[in-house]
């Protein structure tokens, strides 16, 4: 019985490792940004705190929802925060949508992390 439990535990651990999301990395190349793109810059080791727009596309937004972003980033209503302490220099795309039933528009916040100093 113990062998079966140990084997099951190892199997679940291996499955869990395969399902871990990859670390959030800078975009490989900036390319063409979507129409609703906000661009901000911060120095490495700093904390990004920025207000998000009141509208995206033709939608008035009271609250956003973060769809894709780095660890420890978050949004409260229209305020975005990301402590970029361990971020490598580069451009990161954080993807947000209006926090409504079926959002039609997407906001991309392009964050340029630059070396401090």
Protein backbone atom coordinates (compact mmCIF):
# COMPACT_ATOMS: atom_id res chain seq x y z
CA UNK A 1 0.00 0.00 0.00
CA UNK A 2 2.80 2.44 0.87
CA UNK A 3 4.50 1.71 -2.45
CA UNK A 4 1.30 2.55 -4.33
CA UNK A 5 0.89 5.81 -2.41
CA UNK A 6 4.55 6.74 -3.00
CA UNK A 7 4.28 5.93 -6.73
CA UNK A 8 1.07 7.96 -7.02
CA UNK A 9 2.68 10.90 -5.18
CA UNK A 10 5.73 10.85 -7.50
CA UNK A 11 3.48 10.68 -10.55
CA UNK A 12 1.41 13.65 -9.35
CA UNK A 13 4.58 15.63 -8.61
CA UNK A 14 5.89 15.00 -12.12
CA UNK A 15 2.57 16.06 -13.62
CA UNK A 16 2.63 19.20 -11.49
CA UNK A 17 6.12 20.12 -12.70
CA UNK A 18 5.02 19.83 -16.30
CA UNK A 19 2.07 22.11 -15.66
CA UNK A 20 4.01 24.98 -14.08
CA UNK A 21 3.79 28.15 -16.19
CA UNK A 22 7.04 29.35 -17.73
CA UNK A 23 8.60 32.45 -16.15
CA UNK A 24 7.28 35.73 -17.54
CA UNK A 25 9.83 36.88 -20.09
CA UNK A 26 10.29 40.04 -22.15
CA UNK A 27 8.68 39.99 -25.58
CA UNK A 28 11.16 38.67 -28.17
CA UNK A 29 10.61 41.69 -30.42
CA UNK A 30 8.32 44.66 -29.99
CA UNK A 31 6.74 44.38 -33.47
CA UNK A 32 3.48 46.20 -34.07
CA UNK A 33 1.55 46.90 -30.88
CA UNK A 34 -2.23 46.53 -30.74
CA UNK A 35 -4.26 49.73 -31.09
CA UNK A 36 -5.03 49.90 -27.37
CA UNK A 37 -1.48 49.83 -26.05
CA UNK A 38 -0.19 51.91 -23.19
CA UNK A 39 3.58 52.32 -22.93
CA UNK A 40 5.42 52.93 -19.65
CA UNK A 41 9.05 52.62 -18.50
CA UNK A 42 10.63 51.74 -15.16
CA UNK A 43 14.13 50.98 -13.94
CA UNK A 44 15.09 47.48 -12.84
CA UNK A 45 14.35 46.89 -9.20
CA UNK A 46 11.58 49.51 -9.08
CA UNK A 47 7.83 49.10 -8.62
CA UNK A 48 5.50 49.98 -11.48
CA UNK A 49 2.36 51.74 -10.27
CA UNK A 50 0.18 53.30 -12.95
CA UNK A 51 -3.41 54.27 -13.56
CA UNK A 52 -5.13 52.57 -16.47
CA UNK A 53 -7.34 54.44 -18.96
CA UNK A 54 -11.03 55.07 -18.35
CA UNK A 55 -11.87 53.64 -21.77
CA UNK A 56 -10.48 50.89 -23.98
CA UNK A 57 -11.77 50.74 -27.52
CA UNK A 58 -15.31 52.04 -27.20
CA UNK A 59 -15.84 50.53 -23.73
CA UNK A 60 -15.92 52.60 -20.56
CA UNK A 61 -13.97 50.72 -17.92
CA UNK A 62 -14.45 50.93 -14.17
CA UNK A 63 -12.36 47.83 -13.38
CA UNK A 64 -9.79 45.76 -15.27
CA UNK A 65 -8.85 42.11 -14.99
CA UNK A 66 -5.24 41.00 -15.56
CA UNK A 67 -5.21 38.19 -18.15
CA UNK A 68 -1.47 37.81 -18.62
CA UNK A 69 1.22 39.30 -16.44
CA UNK A 70 4.32 38.60 -14.39
CA UNK A 71 4.27 37.14 -10.88
CA UNK A 72 3.17 39.54 -8.15
CA UNK A 73 1.56 41.92 -10.65
CA UNK A 74 -2.03 42.88 -10.05
CA UNK A 75 -4.79 45.30 -10.77
CA UNK A 76 -7.27 46.99 -8.45
CA UNK A 77 -10.04 48.76 -10.32
CA UNK A 78 -7.97 50.89 -12.75
CA UNK A 79 -4.63 50.77 -10.90
CA UNK A 80 -1.86 48.43 -12.09
CA UNK A 81 1.04 47.41 -9.85
CA UNK A 82 4.09 45.28 -10.65
CA UNK A 83 7.12 45.03 -8.37
CA UNK A 84 9.72 44.38 -11.08
CA UNK A 85 12.54 43.60 -8.66
CA UNK A 86 13.74 40.48 -10.49
CA UNK A 87 12.79 41.52 -14.03
CA UNK A 88 15.46 41.38 -16.71
CA UNK A 89 15.75 44.47 -18.94
CA UNK A 90 13.41 44.31 -21.92
CA UNK A 91 9.84 45.03 -22.98
CA UNK A 92 7.06 43.12 -21.23
CA UNK A 93 3.46 42.95 -22.45
CA UNK A 94 0.88 42.80 -19.67
CA UNK A 95 -2.57 41.99 -21.04
CA UNK A 96 -5.73 43.28 -19.38
CA UNK A 97 -9.42 43.22 -20.23
CA UNK A 98 -12.37 45.16 -18.83
CA UNK A 99 -13.83 43.24 -15.88
CA UNK A 100 -17.23 42.70 -17.47
CA UNK A 101 -19.18 39.58 -18.44
CA UNK A 102 -17.82 39.32 -22.01
CA UNK A 103 -15.02 41.82 -22.66
CA UNK A 104 -14.69 42.75 -26.31
CA UNK A 105 -11.63 44.95 -25.95
CA UNK A 106 -8.12 44.26 -24.67
CA UNK A 107 -5.59 46.69 -23.22
CA UNK A 108 -1.89 45.90 -23.52
CA UNK A 109 0.49 47.68 -21.15
CA UNK A 110 3.98 47.57 -22.64
CA UNK A 111 6.52 47.99 -19.85
CA UNK A 112 10.09 48.82 -20.85
CA UNK A 113 12.40 47.73 -18.01
CA UNK A 114 15.70 49.57 -18.22
CA UNK A 115 18.91 49.03 -16.31
CA UNK A 116 19.13 51.26 -13.27
CA UNK A 117 21.89 53.72 -13.25
